[in-house]
Amino acid sequence: ILKYHVVPSKVMSTGLAAVAGSVATLLTTANLTVAVPTTGATVDGNAVATADMLAGNGVIHKMGAVLMPPAADSTGGDTETSGVTSYGVVVALAAIVSRLL
């Protein structure tokens, strides 16, 4: 799950329009979908709640929801998300973010 929340480059909110569309993540089997409509940036259809929180090794954009990678497919695709609950993801991400800030 964490790998789905990380992209391999620093993208500030002013640069989101340049990367709009499918954005590669560290989870090699899934990409994020970034859109920048006039109502505000979204990632996988979820609003960016707070943008441009600088960290020592990049930038954090706080989302209004937990981003979940696509479920494993019937061909034996990625199974890193099996058995993970949204609550567990929120707790894990909160712990990681607090260490970064």
PDB file of N, CA and C in Angstrom:
ATOM      1  N   ILE A   1       0.829  -1.186   0.000  1.00  0.00           N
ATOM      2  CA  ILE A   1       0.000   0.000   0.000  1.00  0.00           C
ATOM      3  C   ILE A   1       0.875   1.251   0.000  1.00  0.00           C
ATOM      4  N   LEU A   2       1.906   1.278   0.840  1.00  0.00           N
ATOM      5  CA  LEU A   2       2.742   2.469   0.919  1.00  0.00           C
ATOM      6  C   LEU A   2       3.362   2.795  -0.437  1.00  0.00           C
ATOM      7  N   LYS A   3       3.826   1.792  -1.155  1.00  0.00           N
ATOM      8  CA  LYS A   3       4.443   2.032  -2.459  1.00  0.00           C
ATOM      9  C   LYS A   3       3.484   2.699  -3.429  1.00  0.00           C
ATOM     10  N   TYR A   4       2.188   2.470  -3.258  1.00  0.00           N
ATOM     11  CA  TYR A   4       1.187   3.091  -4.133  1.00  0.00           C
ATOM     12  C   TYR A   4       1.053   4.580  -3.842  1.00  0.00           C
ATOM     13  N   HIS A   5       1.494   5.028  -2.683  1.00  0.00           N
ATOM     14  CA  HIS A   5       1.399   6.430  -2.291  1.00  0.00           C
ATOM     15  C   HIS A   5       2.653   7.223  -2.628  1.00  0.00           C
ATOM     16  N   VAL A   6       3.647   6.602  -3.225  1.00  0.00           N
ATOM     17  CA  VAL A   6       4.924   7.267  -3.473  1.00  0.00           C
ATOM     18  C   VAL A   6       5.236   7.260  -4.965  1.00  0.00           C
ATOM     19  N   VAL A   7       5.565   8.440  -5.489  1.00  0.00           N
ATOM     20  CA  VAL A   7       6.021   8.543  -6.873  1.00  0.00           C
ATOM     21  C   VAL A   7       7.515   8.840  -6.859  1.00  0.00           C
ATOM     22  N   PRO A   8       8.231   8.406  -7.887  1.00  0.00           N
ATOM     23  CA  PRO A   8       9.697   8.523  -7.862  1.00  0.00           C
ATOM     24  C   PRO A   8      10.236   9.907  -8.228  1.00  0.00           C
ATOM     25  N   SER A   9       9.440  10.952  -8.040  1.00  0.00           N
ATOM     26  CA  SER A   9       9.923  12.304  -8.305  1.00  0.00           C
ATOM     27  C   SER A   9       9.187  13.291  -7.408  1.00  0.00           C
ATOM     28  N   LYS A  10       9.768  14.462  -7.244  1.00  0.00           N
ATOM     29  CA  LYS A  10       9.150  15.516  -6.426  1.00  0.00           C
ATOM     30  C   LYS A  10       8.250  16.348  -7.327  1.00  0.00           C
ATOM     31  N   VAL A  11       6.949  16.343  -7.035  1.00  0.00           N
ATOM     32  CA  VAL A  11       5.994  17.102  -7.832  1.00  0.00           C
ATOM     33  C   VAL A  11       5.233  18.046  -6.910  1.00  0.00           C
ATOM     34  N   MET A  12       5.475  19.332  -7.067  1.00  0.00           N
ATOM     35  CA  MET A  12       4.751  20.340  -6.299  1.00  0.00           C
ATOM     36  C   MET A  12       3.376  20.530  -6.934  1.00  0.00           C
ATOM     37  N   SER A  13       2.461  21.153  -6.209  1.00  0.00           N
ATOM     38  CA  SER A  13       1.098  21.337  -6.721  1.00  0.00           C
ATOM     39  C   SER A  13       1.093  22.139  -8.020  1.00  0.00           C
ATOM     40  N   THR A  14       2.015  23.062  -8.176  1.00  0.00           N
ATOM     41  CA  THR A  14       2.088  23.850  -9.409  1.00  0.00           C
ATOM     42  C   THR A  14       2.502  23.013 -10.608  1.00  0.00           C
ATOM     43  N   GLY A  15       3.062  21.831 -10.368  1.00  0.00           N
ATOM     44  CA  GLY A  15       3.488  20.957 -11.447  1.00  0.00           C
ATOM     45  C   GLY A  15       2.545  19.801 -11.721  1.00  0.00           C
ATOM     46  N   LEU A  16       1.428  19.727 -10.977  1.00  0.00           N
ATOM     47  CA  LEU A  16       0.505  18.602 -11.164  1.00  0.00           C
ATOM     48  C   LEU A  16      -0.109  18.567 -12.555  1.00  0.00           C
ATOM     49  N   ALA A  17      -0.408  19.737 -13.120  1.00  0.00           N
ATOM     50  CA  ALA A  17      -1.009  19.767 -14.460  1.00  0.00           C
ATOM     51  C   ALA A  17      -0.073  19.135 -15.485  1.00  0.00           C
ATOM     52  N   ALA A  18       1.233  19.313 -15.299  1.00  0.00           N
ATOM     53  CA  ALA A  18       2.207  18.763 -16.241  1.00  0.00           C
ATOM     54  C   ALA A  18       2.264  17.237 -16.203  1.00  0.00           C
ATOM     55  N   VAL A  19       1.872  16.644 -15.069  1.00  0.00           N
ATOM     56  CA  VAL A  19       1.915  15.187 -14.951  1.00  0.00           C
ATOM     57  C   VAL A  19       0.520  14.564 -14.966  1.00  0.00           C
ATOM     58  N   ALA A  20      -0.503  15.381 -15.259  1.00  0.00           N
ATOM     59  CA  ALA A  20      -1.883  14.882 -15.261  1.00  0.00           C
ATOM     60  C   ALA A  20      -2.007  13.656 -16.156  1.00  0.00           C
ATOM     61  N   GLY A  21      -2.791  12.712 -15.696  1.00  0.00           N
ATOM     62  CA  GLY A  21      -2.966  11.444 -16.403  1.00  0.00           C
ATOM     63  C   GLY A  21      -2.468  10.318 -15.527  1.00  0.00           C
ATOM     64  N   SER A  22      -1.848   9.347 -16.137  1.00  0.00           N
ATOM     65  CA  SER A  22      -1.348   8.186 -15.418  1.00  0.00           C
ATOM     66  C   SER A  22       0.064   8.450 -14.919  1.00  0.00           C
ATOM     67  N   VAL A  23       0.268   8.308 -13.600  1.00  0.00           N
ATOM     68  CA  VAL A  23       1.559   8.599 -12.979  1.00  0.00           C
ATOM     69  C   VAL A  23       2.099   7.328 -12.329  1.00  0.00           C
ATOM     70  N   ALA A  24       3.322   6.974 -12.681  1.00  0.00           N
ATOM     71  CA  ALA A  24       3.954   5.775 -12.121  1.00  0.00           C
ATOM     72  C   ALA A  24       4.182   5.929 -10.626  1.00  0.00           C
ATOM     73  N   THR A  25       4.040   4.824  -9.901  1.00  0.00           N
ATOM     74  CA  THR A  25       4.314   4.784  -8.464  1.00  0.00           C
ATOM     75  C   THR A  25       5.435   3.791  -8.198  1.00  0.00           C
ATOM     76  N   LEU A  26       5.864   3.696  -6.949  1.00  0.00           N
ATOM     77  CA  LEU A  26       6.867   2.690  -6.604  1.00  0.00           C
ATOM     78  C   LEU A  26       6.282   1.282  -6.609  1.00  0.00           C
ATOM     79  N   LEU A  27       4.938   1.182  -6.592  1.00  0.00           N
ATOM     80  CA  LEU A  27       4.266  -0.109  -6.755  1.00  0.00           C
ATOM     81  C   LEU A  27       4.213  -0.343  -8.252  1.00  0.00           C
ATOM     82  N   THR A  28       5.110  -1.122  -8.775  1.00  0.00           N
ATOM     83  CA  THR A  28       5.325  -1.207 -10.222  1.00  0.00           C
ATOM     84  C   THR A  28       4.137  -1.730 -11.015  1.00  0.00           C
ATOM     85  N   THR A  29       3.164  -2.314 -10.355  1.00  0.00           N
ATOM     86  CA  THR A  29       2.024  -2.865 -11.086  1.00  0.00           C
ATOM     87  C   THR A  29       0.827  -1.919 -11.134  1.00  0.00           C
ATOM     88  N   ALA A  30       0.944  -0.705 -10.596  1.00  0.00           N
ATOM     89  CA  ALA A  30      -0.202   0.197 -10.577  1.00  0.00           C
ATOM     90  C   ALA A  30       0.238   1.654 -10.669  1.00  0.00           C
ATOM     91  N   ASN A  31      -0.520   2.440 -11.419  1.00  0.00           N
ATOM     92  CA  ASN A  31      -0.272   3.868 -11.552  1.00  0.00           C
ATOM     93  C   ASN A  31      -1.393   4.661 -10.894  1.00  0.00           C
ATOM     94  N   LEU A  32      -1.070   5.867 -10.465  1.00  0.00           N
ATOM     95  CA  LEU A  32      -2.072   6.801  -9.962  1.00  0.00           C
ATOM     96  C   LEU A  32      -2.660   7.568 -11.136  1.00  0.00           C
ATOM     97  N   THR A  33      -3.890   8.030 -10.994  1.00  0.00           N
ATOM     98  CA  THR A  33      -4.506   8.881 -12.006  1.00  0.00           C
ATOM     99  C   THR A  33      -4.645  10.281 -11.416  1.00  0.00           C
ATOM    100  N   VAL A  34      -3.918  11.228 -11.996  1.00  0.00           N
ATOM    101  CA  VAL A  34      -3.926  12.613 -11.522  1.00  0.00           C
ATOM    102  C   VAL A  34      -4.754  13.453 -12.486  1.00  0.00           C
ATOM    103  N   ALA A  35      -5.655  14.273 -11.920  1.00  0.00           N
ATOM    104  CA  ALA A  35      -6.456  15.205 -12.711  1.00  0.00           C
ATOM    105  C   ALA A  35      -6.397  16.573 -12.049  1.00  0.00           C
ATOM    106  N   VAL A  36      -6.454  17.604 -12.872  1.00  0.00           N
ATOM    107  CA  VAL A  36      -6.404  18.964 -12.340  1.00  0.00           C
ATOM    108  C   VAL A  36      -7.542  19.786 -12.959  1.00  0.00           C
ATOM    109  N   PRO A  37      -8.789  19.494 -12.559  1.00  0.00           N
ATOM    110  CA  PRO A  37      -9.905  20.308 -13.046  1.00  0.00           C
ATOM    111  C   PRO A  37      -9.915  21.662 -12.333  1.00  0.00           C
ATOM    112  N   THR A  38     -10.784  22.551 -12.757  1.00  0.00           N
ATOM    113  CA  THR A  38     -10.834  23.886 -12.150  1.00  0.00           C
ATOM    114  C   THR A  38     -11.249  23.839 -10.684  1.00  0.00           C
ATOM    115  N   THR A  39     -11.878  22.755 -10.248  1.00  0.00           N
ATOM    116  CA  THR A  39     -12.314  22.634  -8.851  1.00  0.00           C
ATOM    117  C   THR A  39     -11.206  22.183  -7.914  1.00  0.00           C
ATOM    118  N   GLY A  40     -10.037  21.826  -8.426  1.00  0.00           N
ATOM    119  CA  GLY A  40      -8.917  21.409  -7.586  1.00  0.00           C
ATOM    120  C   GLY A  40      -8.381  20.048  -7.981  1.00  0.00           C
ATOM    121  N   ALA A  41      -7.134  19.814  -7.660  1.00  0.00           N
ATOM    122  CA  ALA A  41      -6.457  18.582  -8.048  1.00  0.00           C
ATOM    123  C   ALA A  41      -7.061  17.360  -7.375  1.00  0.00           C
ATOM    124  N   THR A  42      -7.068  16.250  -8.102  1.00  0.00           N
ATOM    125  CA  THR A  42      -7.504  14.966  -7.551  1.00  0.00           C
ATOM    126  C   THR A  42      -6.503  13.888  -7.926  1.00  0.00           C
ATOM    127  N   VAL A  43      -6.427  12.886  -7.075  1.00  0.00           N
ATOM    128  CA  VAL A  43      -5.609  11.704  -7.348  1.00  0.00           C
ATOM    129  C   VAL A  43      -6.530  10.507  -7.179  1.00  0.00           C
ATOM    130  N   ASP A  44      -6.650   9.718  -8.211  1.00  0.00           N
ATOM    131  CA  ASP A  44      -7.586   8.588  -8.228  1.00  0.00           C
ATOM    132  C   ASP A  44      -8.996   9.025  -7.830  1.00  0.00           C
ATOM    133  N   GLY A  45      -9.383  10.235  -8.243  1.00  0.00           N
ATOM    134  CA  GLY A  45     -10.717  10.752  -7.966  1.00  0.00           C
ATOM    135  C   GLY A  45     -10.905  11.349  -6.582  1.00  0.00           C
ATOM    136  N   ASN A  46      -9.861  11.351  -5.764  1.00  0.00           N
ATOM    137  CA  ASN A  46      -9.931  11.899  -4.402  1.00  0.00           C
ATOM    138  C   ASN A  46      -9.246  13.266  -4.357  1.00  0.00           C
ATOM    139  N   ALA A  47      -9.896  14.214  -3.697  1.00  0.00           N
ATOM    140  CA  ALA A  47      -9.373  15.578  -3.629  1.00  0.00           C
ATOM    141  C   ALA A  47      -8.077  15.653  -2.834  1.00  0.00           C
ATOM    142  N   VAL A  48      -7.178  16.513  -3.296  1.00  0.00           N
ATOM    143  CA  VAL A  48      -5.976  16.835  -2.532  1.00  0.00           C
ATOM    144  C   VAL A  48      -6.408  17.835  -1.460  1.00  0.00           C
ATOM    145  N   ALA A  49      -6.338  17.439  -0.193  1.00  0.00           N
ATOM    146  CA  ALA A  49      -6.818  18.277   0.910  1.00  0.00           C
ATOM    147  C   ALA A  49      -5.820  19.383   1.249  1.00  0.00           C
ATOM    148  N   THR A  50      -4.540  19.038   1.329  1.00  0.00           N
ATOM    149  CA  THR A  50      -3.478  19.997   1.626  1.00  0.00           C
ATOM    150  C   THR A  50      -2.297  19.659   0.731  1.00  0.00           C
ATOM    151  N   ALA A  51      -1.823  20.643  -0.003  1.00  0.00           N
ATOM    152  CA  ALA A  51      -0.724  20.394  -0.945  1.00  0.00           C
ATOM    153  C   ALA A  51       0.584  20.990  -0.428  1.00  0.00           C
ATOM    154  N   ASP A  52       1.663  20.467  -0.975  1.00  0.00           N
ATOM    155  CA  ASP A  52       3.003  21.043  -0.801  1.00  0.00           C
ATOM    156  C   ASP A  52       3.519  21.092   0.630  1.00  0.00           C
ATOM    157  N   MET A  53       3.333  20.023   1.378  1.00  0.00           N
ATOM    158  CA  MET A  53       3.928  19.924   2.713  1.00  0.00           C
ATOM    159  C   MET A  53       5.337  19.364   2.517  1.00  0.00           C
ATOM    160  N   LEU A  54       6.334  20.207   2.693  1.00  0.00           N
ATOM    161  CA  LEU A  54       7.712  19.811   2.421  1.00  0.00           C
ATOM    162  C   LEU A  54       8.230  18.849   3.479  1.00  0.00           C
ATOM    163  N   ALA A  55       8.932  17.826   3.018  1.00  0.00           N
ATOM    164  CA  ALA A  55       9.586  16.851   3.884  1.00  0.00           C
ATOM    165  C   ALA A  55      11.065  16.835   3.513  1.00  0.00           C
ATOM    166  N   GLY A  56      11.875  16.191   4.320  1.00  0.00           N
ATOM    167  CA  GLY A  56      13.307  16.164   4.078  1.00  0.00           C
ATOM    168  C   GLY A  56      13.700  15.523   2.760  1.00  0.00           C
ATOM    169  N   ASN A  57      12.880  14.606   2.265  1.00  0.00           N
ATOM    170  CA  ASN A  57      13.244  13.891   1.039  1.00  0.00           C
ATOM    171  C   ASN A  57      12.201  14.041  -0.067  1.00  0.00           C
ATOM    172  N   GLY A  58      11.353  15.056   0.015  1.00  0.00           N
ATOM    173  CA  GLY A  58      10.353  15.242  -1.034  1.00  0.00           C
ATOM    174  C   GLY A  58       9.228  16.142  -0.566  1.00  0.00           C
ATOM    175  N   VAL A  59       8.058  15.904  -1.106  1.00  0.00           N
ATOM    176  CA  VAL A  59       6.884  16.708  -0.783  1.00  0.00           C
ATOM    177  C   VAL A  59       5.703  15.776  -0.545  1.00  0.00           C
ATOM    178  N   ILE A  60       4.839  16.169   0.392  1.00  0.00           N
ATOM    179  CA  ILE A  60       3.656  15.367   0.716  1.00  0.00           C
ATOM    180  C   ILE A  60       2.420  16.165   0.332  1.00  0.00           C
ATOM    181  N   HIS A  61       1.483  15.491  -0.313  1.00  0.00           N
ATOM    182  CA  HIS A  61       0.180  16.076  -0.606  1.00  0.00           C
ATOM    183  C   HIS A  61      -0.839  15.261   0.179  1.00  0.00           C
ATOM    184  N   LYS A  62      -1.451  15.882   1.173  1.00  0.00           N
ATOM    185  CA  LYS A  62      -2.427  15.192   2.019  1.00  0.00           C
ATOM    186  C   LYS A  62      -3.717  14.984   1.225  1.00  0.00           C
ATOM    187  N   MET A  63      -4.184  13.742   1.234  1.00  0.00           N
ATOM    188  CA  MET A  63      -5.383  13.389   0.492  1.00  0.00           C
ATOM    189  C   MET A  63      -6.596  13.367   1.410  1.00  0.00           C
ATOM    190  N   GLY A  64      -7.768  13.520   0.829  1.00  0.00           N
ATOM    191  CA  GLY A  64      -9.006  13.443   1.574  1.00  0.00           C
ATOM    192  C   GLY A  64      -9.471  12.022   1.805  1.00  0.00           C
ATOM    193  N   ALA A  65      -8.726  11.038   1.292  1.00  0.00           N
ATOM    194  CA  ALA A  65      -9.086   9.626   1.439  1.00  0.00           C
ATOM    195  C   ALA A  65      -7.824   8.784   1.285  1.00  0.00           C
ATOM    196  N   VAL A  66      -7.895   7.553   1.740  1.00  0.00           N
ATOM    197  CA  VAL A  66      -6.788   6.620   1.556  1.00  0.00           C
ATOM    198  C   VAL A  66      -6.816   6.105   0.121  1.00  0.00           C
ATOM    199  N   LEU A  67      -5.689   6.159  -0.542  1.00  0.00           N
ATOM    200  CA  LEU A  67      -5.597   5.658  -1.911  1.00  0.00           C
ATOM    201  C   LEU A  67      -5.351   4.158  -1.873  1.00  0.00           C
ATOM    202  N   MET A  68      -6.180   3.420  -2.562  1.00  0.00           N
ATOM    203  CA  MET A  68      -6.034   1.964  -2.588  1.00  0.00           C
ATOM    204  C   MET A  68      -5.675   1.527  -3.999  1.00  0.00           C
ATOM    205  N   PRO A  69      -4.608   0.761  -4.162  1.00  0.00           N
ATOM    206  CA  PRO A  69      -4.257   0.265  -5.485  1.00  0.00           C
ATOM    207  C   PRO A  69      -5.321  -0.710  -5.979  1.00  0.00           C
ATOM    208  N   PRO A  70      -5.364  -0.903  -7.288  1.00  0.00           N
ATOM    209  CA  PRO A  70      -6.327  -1.865  -7.833  1.00  0.00           C
ATOM    210  C   PRO A  70      -6.132  -3.238  -7.205  1.00  0.00           C
ATOM    211  N   ALA A  71      -7.218  -3.966  -7.032  1.00  0.00           N
ATOM    212  CA  ALA A  71      -7.149  -5.315  -6.466  1.00  0.00           C
ATOM    213  C   ALA A  71      -6.428  -6.248  -7.425  1.00  0.00           C
ATOM    214  N   ALA A  72      -5.932  -7.336  -6.892  1.00  0.00           N
ATOM    215  CA  ALA A  72      -5.257  -8.346  -7.715  1.00  0.00           C
ATOM    216  C   ALA A  72      -6.222  -8.868  -8.766  1.00  0.00           C
ATOM    217  N   ASP A  73      -5.682  -9.135  -9.929  1.00  0.00           N
ATOM    218  CA  ASP A  73      -6.550  -9.662 -10.980  1.00  0.00           C
ATOM    219  C   ASP A  73      -6.534 -11.183 -10.986  1.00  0.00           C
ATOM    220  N   SER A  74      -7.380 -11.757 -11.795  1.00  0.00           N
ATOM    221  CA  SER A  74      -7.520 -13.213 -11.819  1.00  0.00           C
ATOM    222  C   SER A  74      -6.341 -13.913 -12.479  1.00  0.00           C
ATOM    223  N   THR A  75      -5.421 -13.149 -13.068  1.00  0.00           N
ATOM    224  CA  THR A  75      -4.262 -13.755 -13.715  1.00  0.00           C
ATOM    225  C   THR A  75      -3.071 -13.849 -12.783  1.00  0.00           C
ATOM    226  N   GLY A  76      -3.318 -13.603 -11.496  1.00  0.00           N
ATOM    227  CA  GLY A  76      -2.218 -13.720 -10.538  1.00  0.00           C
ATOM    228  C   GLY A  76      -1.416 -12.456 -10.406  1.00  0.00           C
ATOM    229  N   GLY A  77      -2.035 -11.306 -10.697  1.00  0.00           N
ATOM    230  CA  GLY A  77      -1.349 -10.020 -10.599  1.00  0.00           C
ATOM    231  C   GLY A  77      -0.993  -9.682  -9.164  1.00  0.00           C
ATOM    232  N   ASP A  78      -0.774  -8.430  -8.932  1.00  0.00           N
ATOM    233  CA  ASP A  78      -0.320  -7.955  -7.625  1.00  0.00           C
ATOM    234  C   ASP A  78      -1.265  -8.367  -6.504  1.00  0.00           C
ATOM    235  N   THR A  79      -0.692  -8.881  -5.427  1.00  0.00           N
ATOM    236  CA  THR A  79      -1.500  -9.274  -4.275  1.00  0.00           C
ATOM    237  C   THR A  79      -1.039  -8.578  -3.004  1.00  0.00           C
ATOM    238  N   GLU A  80      -0.246  -7.507  -3.145  1.00  0.00           N
ATOM    239  CA  GLU A  80       0.289  -6.816  -1.974  1.00  0.00           C
ATOM    240  C   GLU A  80      -0.800  -6.227  -1.096  1.00  0.00           C
ATOM    241  N   THR A  81      -2.015  -6.041  -1.622  1.00  0.00           N
ATOM    242  CA  THR A  81      -3.069  -5.397  -0.854  1.00  0.00           C
ATOM    243  C   THR A  81      -4.042  -6.376  -0.219  1.00  0.00           C
ATOM    244  N   SER A  82      -3.864  -7.653  -0.402  1.00  0.00           N
ATOM    245  CA  SER A  82      -4.830  -8.601   0.138  1.00  0.00           C
ATOM    246  C   SER A  82      -4.834  -8.568   1.663  1.00  0.00           C
ATOM    247  N   GLY A  83      -6.023  -8.515   2.243  1.00  0.00           N
ATOM    248  CA  GLY A  83      -6.162  -8.542   3.688  1.00  0.00           C
ATOM    249  C   GLY A  83      -5.862  -7.239   4.395  1.00  0.00           C
ATOM    250  N   VAL A  84      -5.675  -6.147   3.663  1.00  0.00           N
ATOM    251  CA  VAL A  84      -5.357  -4.866   4.271  1.00  0.00           C
ATOM    252  C   VAL A  84      -6.641  -4.060   4.419  1.00  0.00           C
ATOM    253  N   THR A  85      -6.848  -3.484   5.593  1.00  0.00           N
ATOM    254  CA  THR A  85      -8.029  -2.651   5.805  1.00  0.00           C
ATOM    255  C   THR A  85      -7.644  -1.186   5.687  1.00  0.00           C
ATOM    256  N   SER A  86      -8.603  -0.350   5.354  1.00  0.00           N
ATOM    257  CA  SER A  86      -8.343   1.095   5.250  1.00  0.00           C
ATOM    258  C   SER A  86      -7.845   1.650   6.572  1.00  0.00           C
ATOM    259  N   TYR A  87      -8.405   1.199   7.696  1.00  0.00           N
ATOM    260  CA  TYR A  87      -7.977   1.691   9.000  1.00  0.00           C
ATOM    261  C   TYR A  87      -6.496   1.403   9.224  1.00  0.00           C
ATOM    262  N   GLY A  88      -6.077   0.188   8.904  1.00  0.00           N
ATOM    263  CA  GLY A  88      -4.675  -0.173   9.067  1.00  0.00           C
ATOM    264  C   GLY A  88      -3.769   0.686   8.213  1.00  0.00           C
ATOM    265  N   VAL A  89      -4.212   1.006   7.018  1.00  0.00           N
ATOM    266  CA  VAL A  89      -3.428   1.850   6.123  1.00  0.00           C
ATOM    267  C   VAL A  89      -3.306   3.254   6.694  1.00  0.00           C
ATOM    268  N   VAL A  90      -4.401   3.795   7.194  1.00  0.00           N
ATOM    269  CA  VAL A  90      -4.374   5.141   7.764  1.00  0.00           C
ATOM    270  C   VAL A  90      -3.412   5.204   8.945  1.00  0.00           C
ATOM    271  N   VAL A  91      -3.451   4.231   9.822  1.00  0.00           N
ATOM    272  CA  VAL A  91      -2.556   4.215  10.981  1.00  0.00           C
ATOM    273  C   VAL A  91      -1.110   4.113  10.527  1.00  0.00           C
ATOM    274  N   ALA A  92      -0.824   3.236   9.595  1.00  0.00           N
ATOM    275  CA  ALA A  92       0.549   3.077   9.100  1.00  0.00           C
ATOM    276  C   ALA A  92       1.040   4.336   8.419  1.00  0.00           C
ATOM    277  N   LEU A  93       0.217   4.937   7.576  1.00  0.00           N
ATOM    278  CA  LEU A  93       0.639   6.141   6.886  1.00  0.00           C
ATOM    279  C   LEU A  93       0.814   7.304   7.852  1.00  0.00           C
ATOM    280  N   ALA A  94      -0.051   7.418   8.836  1.00  0.00           N
ATOM    281  CA  ALA A  94       0.072   8.478   9.819  1.00  0.00           C
ATOM    282  C   ALA A  94       1.399   8.364  10.563  1.00  0.00           C
ATOM    283  N   ALA A  95       1.797   7.164  10.913  1.00  0.00           N
ATOM    284  CA  ALA A  95       3.061   6.944  11.609  1.00  0.00           C
ATOM    285  C   ALA A  95       4.246   7.327  10.730  1.00  0.00           C
ATOM    286  N   ILE A  96       4.176   6.979   9.459  1.00  0.00           N
ATOM    287  CA  ILE A  96       5.271   7.290   8.539  1.00  0.00           C
ATOM    288  C   ILE A  96       5.353   8.787   8.298  1.00  0.00           C
ATOM    289  N   VAL A  97       4.219   9.425   8.053  1.00  0.00           N
ATOM    290  CA  VAL A  97       4.208  10.864   7.795  1.00  0.00           C
ATOM    291  C   VAL A  97       4.716  11.634   9.008  1.00  0.00           C
ATOM    292  N   SER A  98       4.327  11.214  10.203  1.00  0.00           N
ATOM    293  CA  SER A  98       4.785  11.933  11.398  1.00  0.00           C
ATOM    294  C   SER A  98       6.298  11.854  11.543  1.00  0.00           C
ATOM    295  N   ARG A  99       6.900  10.787  11.074  1.00  0.00           N
ATOM    296  CA  ARG A  99       8.366  10.686  11.125  1.00  0.00           C
ATOM    297  C   ARG A  99       9.025  11.564  10.079  1.00  0.00           C
ATOM    298  N   LEU A 100       8.341  11.786   8.947  1.00  0.00           N
ATOM    299  CA  LEU A 100       8.903  12.601   7.878  1.00  0.00           C
ATOM    300  C   LEU A 100       8.847  14.090   8.175  1.00  0.00           C
ATOM    301  N   LEU A 101       7.833  14.519   8.931  1.00  0.00           N
ATOM    302  CA  LEU A 101       7.645  15.959   9.156  1.00  0.00           C
ATOM    303  C   LEU A 101       8.405  16.480  10.326  1.00  0.00           C
TER     304      LEU A 101
END
